[in-house]
Amino acid sequence: MGSLSIVHWIIIIAVALLLFGGRGKISSLMGDFAEGIKAFKKGMSEDDKAAVTTTPAEPTKTIDHQPAERVTSQQQPESHKAG
């Protein structure tokens, strides 16, 4: 059982000839596939450029921060004093 008979070899050779022989079907399929990927990438980059140009740039928002006054143990707020 572990070896291939002549019928198996004929089928393998026939499949290989169908795939790789003749007019280069695999290479033409791969070329078409590559063109599809390039077209997809080009379309995605055009969408990104269109989205960037149509969206107006907003100025950067900043928050002015003033440090809080330190509360010492002698200066407790009214809500924290023991009563």
C-alpha atoms as a PDB file:
ATOM      1  CA  MET A   1       0.000   0.000   0.000  1.00  0.00           C
ATOM      2  CA  GLY A   2       2.654   2.676   0.614  1.00  0.00           C
ATOM      3  CA  SER A   3       3.713   3.102  -3.011  1.00  0.00           C
ATOM      4  CA  LEU A   4       1.928   4.708  -5.940  1.00  0.00           C
ATOM      5  CA  SER A   5       0.864   2.565  -8.863  1.00  0.00           C
ATOM      6  CA  ILE A   6       1.212   3.546 -12.519  1.00  0.00           C
ATOM      7  CA  VAL A   7      -2.396   4.777 -12.559  1.00  0.00           C
ATOM      8  CA  HIS A   8      -1.668   7.190  -9.707  1.00  0.00           C
ATOM      9  CA  TRP A   9       1.415   8.519 -11.515  1.00  0.00           C
ATOM     10  CA  ILE A  10      -0.578   9.061 -14.732  1.00  0.00           C
ATOM     11  CA  ILE A  11      -3.237  11.033 -12.831  1.00  0.00           C
ATOM     12  CA  ILE A  12      -0.586  13.144 -11.077  1.00  0.00           C
ATOM     13  CA  ILE A  13       1.185  13.916 -14.367  1.00  0.00           C
ATOM     14  CA  ALA A  14      -2.129  14.770 -16.074  1.00  0.00           C
ATOM     15  CA  VAL A  15      -3.054  17.198 -13.287  1.00  0.00           C
ATOM     16  CA  ALA A  16       0.410  18.783 -13.397  1.00  0.00           C
ATOM     17  CA  LEU A  17       0.138  19.248 -17.164  1.00  0.00           C
ATOM     18  CA  LEU A  18      -3.288  20.818 -16.808  1.00  0.00           C
ATOM     19  CA  LEU A  19      -2.068  23.242 -14.160  1.00  0.00           C
ATOM     20  CA  PHE A  20       1.396  24.136 -15.387  1.00  0.00           C
ATOM     21  CA  GLY A  21       1.385  23.178 -19.058  1.00  0.00           C
ATOM     22  CA  GLY A  22       0.062  24.907 -22.124  1.00  0.00           C
ATOM     23  CA  ARG A  23      -0.397  28.653 -22.028  1.00  0.00           C
ATOM     24  CA  GLY A  24       0.697  29.182 -18.447  1.00  0.00           C
ATOM     25  CA  LYS A  25      -2.676  29.144 -16.764  1.00  0.00           C
ATOM     26  CA  ILE A  26      -1.232  29.460 -13.260  1.00  0.00           C
ATOM     27  CA  SER A  27       0.935  32.431 -14.193  1.00  0.00           C
ATOM     28  CA  SER A  28      -1.989  34.205 -15.844  1.00  0.00           C
ATOM     29  CA  LEU A  29      -4.172  33.516 -12.788  1.00  0.00           C
ATOM     30  CA  MET A  30      -1.482  34.871 -10.483  1.00  0.00           C
ATOM     31  CA  GLY A  31      -1.111  37.944 -12.715  1.00  0.00           C
ATOM     32  CA  ASP A  32      -4.851  38.580 -12.534  1.00  0.00           C
ATOM     33  CA  PHE A  33      -4.761  38.107  -8.779  1.00  0.00           C
ATOM     34  CA  ALA A  34      -1.884  40.588  -8.442  1.00  0.00           C
ATOM     35  CA  GLU A  35      -3.721  43.147 -10.574  1.00  0.00           C
ATOM     36  CA  GLY A  36      -6.768  42.768  -8.335  1.00  0.00           C
ATOM     37  CA  ILE A  37      -4.687  43.403  -5.222  1.00  0.00           C
ATOM     38  CA  LYS A  38      -3.079  46.484  -6.791  1.00  0.00           C
ATOM     39  CA  ALA A  39      -6.483  47.845  -7.802  1.00  0.00           C
ATOM     40  CA  PHE A  40      -7.788  47.260  -4.275  1.00  0.00           C
ATOM     41  CA  LYS A  41      -4.836  49.063  -2.687  1.00  0.00           C
ATOM     42  CA  LYS A  42      -5.186  51.955  -5.136  1.00  0.00           C
ATOM     43  CA  GLY A  43      -8.893  52.230  -4.338  1.00  0.00           C
ATOM     44  CA  MET A  44      -8.223  52.202  -0.607  1.00  0.00           C
ATOM     45  CA  SER A  45      -5.572  54.924  -0.878  1.00  0.00           C
ATOM     46  CA  GLU A  46      -7.898  57.066  -3.009  1.00  0.00           C
ATOM     47  CA  ASP A  47     -10.645  56.680  -0.394  1.00  0.00           C
ATOM     48  CA  ASP A  48      -8.233  57.745   2.356  1.00  0.00           C
ATOM     49  CA  LYS A  49      -7.113  60.796   0.365  1.00  0.00           C
ATOM     50  CA  ALA A  50     -10.725  61.763  -0.373  1.00  0.00           C
ATOM     51  CA  ALA A  51     -11.660  61.445   3.302  1.00  0.00           C
ATOM     52  CA  VAL A  52      -8.720  63.607   4.369  1.00  0.00           C
ATOM     53  CA  THR A  53      -9.419  66.366   1.846  1.00  0.00           C
ATOM     54  CA  THR A  54     -13.167  66.554   2.537  1.00  0.00           C
ATOM     55  CA  THR A  55     -12.820  66.683   6.311  1.00  0.00           C
ATOM     56  CA  PRO A  56     -11.839  70.165   7.492  1.00  0.00           C
ATOM     57  CA  ALA A  57      -8.917  70.254   9.868  1.00  0.00           C
ATOM     58  CA  GLU A  58      -9.967  71.232  13.372  1.00  0.00           C
ATOM     59  CA  PRO A  59      -7.596  73.226  15.543  1.00  0.00           C
ATOM     60  CA  THR A  60      -6.007  71.392  18.423  1.00  0.00           C
ATOM     61  CA  LYS A  61      -7.970  71.827  21.620  1.00  0.00           C
ATOM     62  CA  THR A  62      -6.059  72.522  24.807  1.00  0.00           C
ATOM     63  CA  ILE A  63      -7.176  72.615  28.410  1.00  0.00           C
ATOM     64  CA  ASP A  64      -5.749  75.303  30.656  1.00  0.00           C
ATOM     65  CA  HIS A  65      -4.881  73.661  33.937  1.00  0.00           C
ATOM     66  CA  GLN A  66      -4.352  75.558  37.160  1.00  0.00           C
ATOM     67  CA  PRO A  67      -3.023  73.562  40.081  1.00  0.00           C
ATOM     68  CA  ALA A  68      -5.385  73.268  43.037  1.00  0.00           C
ATOM     69  CA  GLU A  69      -4.491  74.838  46.340  1.00  0.00           C
ATOM     70  CA  ARG A  70      -3.042  72.413  48.841  1.00  0.00           C
ATOM     71  CA  VAL A  71      -5.169  71.682  51.860  1.00  0.00           C
ATOM     72  CA  THR A  72      -3.214  71.222  55.082  1.00  0.00           C
ATOM     73  CA  SER A  73      -4.474  69.520  58.197  1.00  0.00           C
ATOM     74  CA  GLN A  74      -5.174  72.948  59.733  1.00  0.00           C
ATOM     75  CA  GLN A  75      -7.174  74.125  56.694  1.00  0.00           C
ATOM     76  CA  GLN A  76      -9.793  71.431  56.260  1.00  0.00           C
ATOM     77  CA  PRO A  77     -12.857  72.277  54.220  1.00  0.00           C
ATOM     78  CA  GLU A  78     -16.128  72.708  56.117  1.00  0.00           C
ATOM     79  CA  SER A  79     -17.465  69.351  54.928  1.00  0.00           C
ATOM     80  CA  HIS A  80     -14.490  67.454  56.406  1.00  0.00           C
ATOM     81  CA  LYS A  81     -14.380  69.088  59.853  1.00  0.00           C
ATOM     82  CA  ALA A  82     -15.405  66.977  62.793  1.00  0.00           C
ATOM     83  CA  GLY A  83     -18.445  68.371  64.400  1.00  0.00           C
END
